[in-house]
Every structure is written in C-alpha cells, then in structure tokens.
C-alpha atoms as a PDB file:
ATOM      1  CA  UNK A   1     -16.385  13.597 -18.310  1.00  0.00           C
ATOM      2  CA  UNK A   2     -19.036  14.436 -21.066  1.00  0.00           C
ATOM      3  CA  UNK A   3     -18.821  15.280 -24.183  1.00  0.00           C
ATOM      4  CA  UNK A   4     -17.449  19.209 -24.137  1.00  0.00           C
ATOM      5  CA  UNK A   5     -15.544  18.183 -21.515  1.00  0.00           C
ATOM      6  CA  UNK A   6     -13.786  15.686 -23.780  1.00  0.00           C
ATOM      7  CA  UNK A   7     -13.871  18.588 -26.559  1.00  0.00           C
ATOM      8  CA  UNK A   8     -12.298  21.182 -24.455  1.00  0.00           C
ATOM      9  CA  UNK A   9      -9.760  18.598 -22.714  1.00  0.00           C
ATOM     10  CA  UNK A  10      -8.600  17.879 -26.662  1.00  0.00           C
ATOM     11  CA  UNK A  11      -8.210  21.252 -27.229  1.00  0.00           C
ATOM     12  CA  UNK A  12      -5.390  21.673 -24.628  1.00  0.00           C
ATOM     13  CA  UNK A  13      -3.521  18.726 -26.000  1.00  0.00           C
ATOM     14  CA  UNK A  14      -4.120  19.786 -29.811  1.00  0.00           C
ATOM     15  CA  UNK A  15      -2.046  23.138 -28.409  1.00  0.00           C
ATOM     16  CA  UNK A  16       0.639  22.089 -26.533  1.00  0.00           C
ATOM     17  CA  UNK A  17       1.737  19.290 -28.911  1.00  0.00           C
ATOM     18  CA  UNK A  18       0.701  22.753 -31.724  1.00  0.00           C
ATOM     19  CA  UNK A  19      -1.662  20.402 -34.062  1.00  0.00           C
ATOM     20  CA  UNK A  20      -3.154  23.769 -35.799  1.00  0.00           C
ATOM     21  CA  UNK A  21      -5.737  21.790 -37.444  1.00  0.00           C
ATOM     22  CA  UNK A  22      -6.803  19.786 -34.722  1.00  0.00           C
ATOM     23  CA  UNK A  23      -6.497  22.946 -32.213  1.00  0.00           C
ATOM     24  CA  UNK A  24      -8.190  25.642 -35.014  1.00  0.00           C
ATOM     25  CA  UNK A  25     -11.518  23.363 -35.446  1.00  0.00           C
ATOM     26  CA  UNK A  26     -12.024  22.224 -31.901  1.00  0.00           C
ATOM     27  CA  UNK A  27     -12.365  25.783 -30.867  1.00  0.00           C
ATOM     28  CA  UNK A  28     -14.673  26.654 -33.835  1.00  0.00           C
ATOM     29  CA  UNK A  29     -16.603  23.155 -32.181  1.00  0.00           C
ATOM     30  CA  UNK A  30     -16.304  24.861 -28.855  1.00  0.00           C
ATOM     31  CA  UNK A  31     -18.072  28.084 -29.820  1.00  0.00           C
ATOM     32  CA  UNK A  32     -20.666  26.330 -31.189  1.00  0.00           C
ATOM     33  CA  UNK A  33     -20.978  24.576 -28.103  1.00  0.00           C
ATOM     34  CA  UNK A  34     -21.565  27.492 -26.561  1.00  0.00           C
ATOM     35  CA  UNK A  35     -23.634  30.103 -28.676  1.00  0.00           C
ATOM     36  CA  UNK A  36     -25.874  26.973 -29.073  1.00  0.00           C
ATOM     37  CA  UNK A  37     -25.472  26.792 -25.681  1.00  0.00           C
ATOM     38  CA  UNK A  38     -27.058  30.084 -25.224  1.00  0.00           C
ATOM     39  CA  UNK A  39     -29.983  30.305 -27.178  1.00  0.00           C
ATOM     40  CA  UNK A  40     -30.940  27.573 -25.246  1.00  0.00           C
ATOM     41  CA  UNK A  41     -30.962  29.072 -22.409  1.00  0.00           C
ATOM     42  CA  UNK A  42     -30.068  25.742 -20.265  1.00  0.00           C
ATOM     43  CA  UNK A  43     -26.673  23.137 -20.379  1.00  0.00           C
ATOM     44  CA  UNK A  44     -26.648  21.504 -23.377  1.00  0.00           C
ATOM     45  CA  UNK A  45     -27.121  17.196 -22.932  1.00  0.00           C
ATOM     46  CA  UNK A  46     -25.322  14.941 -24.575  1.00  0.00           C
ATOM     47  CA  UNK A  47     -27.477  15.002 -28.145  1.00  0.00           C
ATOM     48  CA  UNK A  48     -27.800  18.528 -27.704  1.00  0.00           C
ATOM     49  CA  UNK A  49     -23.691  18.453 -28.193  1.00  0.00           C
ATOM     50  CA  UNK A  50     -24.155  15.634 -30.369  1.00  0.00           C
ATOM     51  CA  UNK A  51     -26.427  17.497 -32.671  1.00  0.00           C
ATOM     52  CA  UNK A  52     -23.648  20.550 -32.311  1.00  0.00           C
ATOM     53  CA  UNK A  53     -20.710  18.664 -34.472  1.00  0.00           C
ATOM     54  CA  UNK A  54     -24.111  16.798 -36.328  1.00  0.00           C
ATOM     55  CA  UNK A  55     -24.159  20.645 -38.172  1.00  0.00           C
ATOM     56  CA  UNK A  56     -20.829  21.292 -37.718  1.00  0.00           C
ATOM     57  CA  UNK A  57     -19.964  18.253 -40.099  1.00  0.00           C
ATOM     58  CA  UNK A  58     -22.329  18.974 -42.294  1.00  0.00           C
ATOM     59  CA  UNK A  59     -21.901  22.991 -43.015  1.00  0.00           C
ATOM     60  CA  UNK A  60     -17.690  21.461 -43.715  1.00  0.00           C
ATOM     61  CA  UNK A  61     -19.411  18.906 -45.995  1.00  0.00           C
ATOM     62  CA  UNK A  62     -21.886  21.631 -48.098  1.00  0.00           C
ATOM     63  CA  UNK A  63     -18.478  23.942 -47.829  1.00  0.00           C
ATOM     64  CA  UNK A  64     -16.606  21.091 -49.106  1.00  0.00           C
ATOM     65  CA  UNK A  65     -18.779  20.392 -52.495  1.00  0.00           C
ATOM     66  CA  UNK A  66     -18.988  24.245 -52.691  1.00  0.00           C
ATOM     67  CA  UNK A  67     -14.484  24.736 -52.730  1.00  0.00           C
ATOM     68  CA  UNK A  68     -15.036  21.833 -55.424  1.00  0.00           C
ATOM     69  CA  UNK A  69     -17.765  23.532 -57.672  1.00  0.00           C
ATOM     70  CA  UNK A  70     -15.410  26.657 -58.052  1.00  0.00           C
ATOM     71  CA  UNK A  71     -11.576  24.586 -57.874  1.00  0.00           C
ATOM     72  CA  UNK A  72     -10.989  25.367 -54.492  1.00  0.00           C
ATOM     73  CA  UNK A  73      -9.230  21.687 -53.758  1.00  0.00           C
ATOM     74  CA  UNK A  74      -6.633  23.629 -51.074  1.00  0.00           C
ATOM     75  CA  UNK A  75      -9.957  24.946 -49.097  1.00  0.00           C
ATOM     76  CA  UNK A  76     -11.836  21.763 -50.105  1.00  0.00           C
ATOM     77  CA  UNK A  77      -9.195  19.987 -48.520  1.00  0.00           C
ATOM     78  CA  UNK A  78      -8.884  22.077 -45.069  1.00  0.00           C
ATOM     79  CA  UNK A  79     -12.291  21.390 -44.421  1.00  0.00           C
ATOM     80  CA  UNK A  80     -11.994  17.252 -44.959  1.00  0.00           C
ATOM     81  CA  UNK A  81      -9.689  17.727 -42.232  1.00  0.00           C
ATOM     82  CA  UNK A  82     -11.853  19.289 -40.441  1.00  0.00           C
ATOM     83  CA  UNK A  83     -14.366  15.896 -40.098  1.00  0.00           C
ATOM     84  CA  UNK A  84     -12.360  14.527 -39.813  1.00  0.00           C
ATOM     85  CA  UNK A  85     -12.313  16.141 -36.652  1.00  0.00           C
ATOM     86  CA  UNK A  86     -15.035  16.857 -35.745  1.00  0.00           C
ATOM     87  CA  UNK A  87     -16.003  12.934 -36.410  1.00  0.00           C
ATOM     88  CA  UNK A  88     -13.580  10.903 -33.710  1.00  0.00           C
ATOM     89  CA  UNK A  89     -16.491  12.452 -31.257  1.00  0.00           C
ATOM     90  CA  UNK A  90     -18.951  11.883 -33.528  1.00  0.00           C
ATOM     91  CA  UNK A  91     -20.548   8.121 -32.855  1.00  0.00           C
ATOM     92  CA  UNK A  92     -19.885   5.544 -35.339  1.00  0.00           C
ATOM     93  CA  UNK A  93     -22.196   6.226 -38.260  1.00  0.00           C
ATOM     94  CA  UNK A  94     -23.888   3.280 -39.576  1.00  0.00           C
ATOM     95  CA  UNK A  95     -23.197   0.898 -43.019  1.00  0.00           C
ATOM     96  CA  UNK A  96     -25.912   1.078 -45.860  1.00  0.00           C
ATOM     97  CA  UNK A  97     -26.613  -2.808 -45.042  1.00  0.00           C
ATOM     98  CA  UNK A  98     -27.915  -0.847 -41.393  1.00  0.00           C
ATOM     99  CA  UNK A  99     -28.506   1.873 -42.160  1.00  0.00           C
ATOM    100  CA  UNK A 100     -31.345   0.224 -44.604  1.00  0.00           C
ATOM    101  CA  UNK A 101     -32.747  -1.912 -42.553  1.00  0.00           C
ATOM    102  CA  UNK A 102     -32.810   0.575 -39.514  1.00  0.00           C
ATOM    103  CA  UNK A 103     -35.195   2.394 -42.458  1.00  0.00           C
ATOM    104  CA  UNK A 104     -36.884  -0.601 -43.142  1.00  0.00           C
ATOM    105  CA  UNK A 105     -38.261  -0.896 -38.654  1.00  0.00           C
ATOM    106  CA  UNK A 106     -38.825   2.846 -39.089  1.00  0.00           C
ATOM    107  CA  UNK A 107     -41.202   1.995 -41.790  1.00  0.00           C
ATOM    108  CA  UNK A 108     -42.734  -0.934 -40.196  1.00  0.00           C
ATOM    109  CA  UNK A 109     -43.228   1.437 -36.862  1.00  0.00           C
ATOM    110  CA  UNK A 110     -44.925   4.480 -37.707  1.00  0.00           C
ATOM    111  CA  UNK A 111     -47.197   1.864 -40.680  1.00  0.00           C
ATOM    112  CA  UNK A 112     -46.191   3.858 -43.526  1.00  0.00           C
ATOM    113  CA  UNK A 113     -47.125   3.593 -46.589  1.00  0.00           C
ATOM    114  CA  UNK A 114     -46.708   5.967 -49.023  1.00  0.00           C
ATOM    115  CA  UNK A 115     -44.287   8.890 -49.177  1.00  0.00           C
ATOM    116  CA  UNK A 116     -46.232  11.557 -48.222  1.00  0.00           C
ATOM    117  CA  UNK A 117     -45.490   9.584 -44.866  1.00  0.00           C
ATOM    118  CA  UNK A 118     -41.402  10.668 -44.944  1.00  0.00           C
ATOM    119  CA  UNK A 119     -42.083  13.040 -42.554  1.00  0.00           C
ATOM    120  CA  UNK A 120     -43.641  10.354 -40.068  1.00  0.00           C
ATOM    121  CA  UNK A 121     -40.355   7.623 -40.846  1.00  0.00           C
ATOM    122  CA  UNK A 122     -37.975  10.388 -40.179  1.00  0.00           C
ATOM    123  CA  UNK A 123     -39.644  11.020 -36.962  1.00  0.00           C
ATOM    124  CA  UNK A 124     -38.612   7.130 -35.811  1.00  0.00           C
ATOM    125  CA  UNK A 125     -35.682   6.398 -37.457  1.00  0.00           C
ATOM    126  CA  UNK A 126     -33.537  10.063 -36.284  1.00  0.00           C
ATOM    127  CA  UNK A 127     -35.056   9.645 -32.558  1.00  0.00           C
ATOM    128  CA  UNK A 128     -33.521   5.801 -32.175  1.00  0.00           C
ATOM    129  CA  UNK A 129     -30.253   6.641 -34.338  1.00  0.00           C
ATOM    130  CA  UNK A 130     -29.375   9.936 -33.718  1.00  0.00           C
ATOM    131  CA  UNK A 131     -25.761  10.893 -34.693  1.00  0.00           C
ATOM    132  CA  UNK A 132     -24.846   7.456 -36.926  1.00  0.00           C
ATOM    133  CA  UNK A 133     -27.413   8.509 -40.004  1.00  0.00           C
ATOM    134  CA  UNK A 134     -26.898  10.905 -41.671  1.00  0.00           C
ATOM    135  CA  UNK A 135     -30.477  12.844 -42.883  1.00  0.00           C
ATOM    136  CA  UNK A 136     -30.040  12.359 -46.585  1.00  0.00           C
ATOM    137  CA  UNK A 137     -28.689   9.258 -46.391  1.00  0.00           C
ATOM    138  CA  UNK A 138     -31.686   8.473 -45.044  1.00  0.00           C
ATOM    139  CA  UNK A 139     -33.760  10.489 -46.960  1.00  0.00           C
ATOM    140  CA  UNK A 140     -32.450   8.305 -49.857  1.00  0.00           C
ATOM    141  CA  UNK A 141     -32.775   4.724 -48.433  1.00  0.00           C
ATOM    142  CA  UNK A 142     -36.362   5.754 -46.923  1.00  0.00           C
ATOM    143  CA  UNK A 143     -37.657   7.033 -50.506  1.00  0.00           C
ATOM    144  CA  UNK A 144     -36.338   3.980 -52.067  1.00  0.00           C
ATOM    145  CA  UNK A 145     -38.232   1.482 -49.213  1.00  0.00           C
ATOM    146  CA  UNK A 146     -40.865   3.645 -49.770  1.00  0.00           C
ATOM    147  CA  UNK A 147     -41.364   3.756 -54.265  1.00  0.00           C
ATOM    148  CA  UNK A 148     -40.610  -0.144 -54.069  1.00  0.00           C
END
C-alpha cells in the first residue's frame, strides 16, 4: 500500500469515526498531493509524497509560530494537532546526536571545509536522510561543525 493509499484509507476511517481533526487534516494533505501530481504531470513517487508531507508540516510549524506571536493560542493548538497527524505518515525524525553524526558524515563525504560549502553538505545530507531531518536543524549543525 502506497503512502497516498494509506492516507485515503485513514481518511475514510476518520470520516466513519467522525474524527474531525484527522479528517480535515487528511483532506488538506490529499489536496496537496493532488496539486503536486498535477504540477509534475505524473504520478508521485514515495519521495515526492514525503516531500509534500514535510512541506505541510513546515507550513504548519510556521503558522504555529505566527499564531503564538499574535496571541492566538487556540489556532496554534489546532495547527499542532494537524502536525501530529501528518507526522504519523513521515519517517521517524532523527535525534540530535544522530543528526550531528549524519552531518559529520556528509561534511566528510562532500569534502566541505567552510561555510561556503554548506550547500554541498546539505545536498548530500538531505539525499540520504530525506524526511528524517528537518532542514533548520540540519543547517544549525552544519554551521556548528563547519565553524568549529
């Protein structure tokens, strides 16, 4: 069963169970997946689907930040609930120690020596750990390891 099929099956279950947060979140995710398929003009690969889900999580994290700044905690909480639903379909995120080790390996593999080489390191890192490492976290560790 592909990721898209799993999301569709879970959407049906959420509708039957009248679980509104899961239902609404999966409807939005399904819409994003369809839009991406139309953009690409072909069926999505699993990597494409994971990229869409990661983008959905990133958008919601940005929304949480904005809602918190505006003092709209109820909306921030709803976004957090949606993040939890979407993250259930993403691969497990690596811990800080694992990310640091992966960044170190990517630095060695790319031959990076300064911050100018961050792009090359990120390219290697994200290719190997697609969906397992958040970009901001990776950039922070790349910055720490290349400076130090």
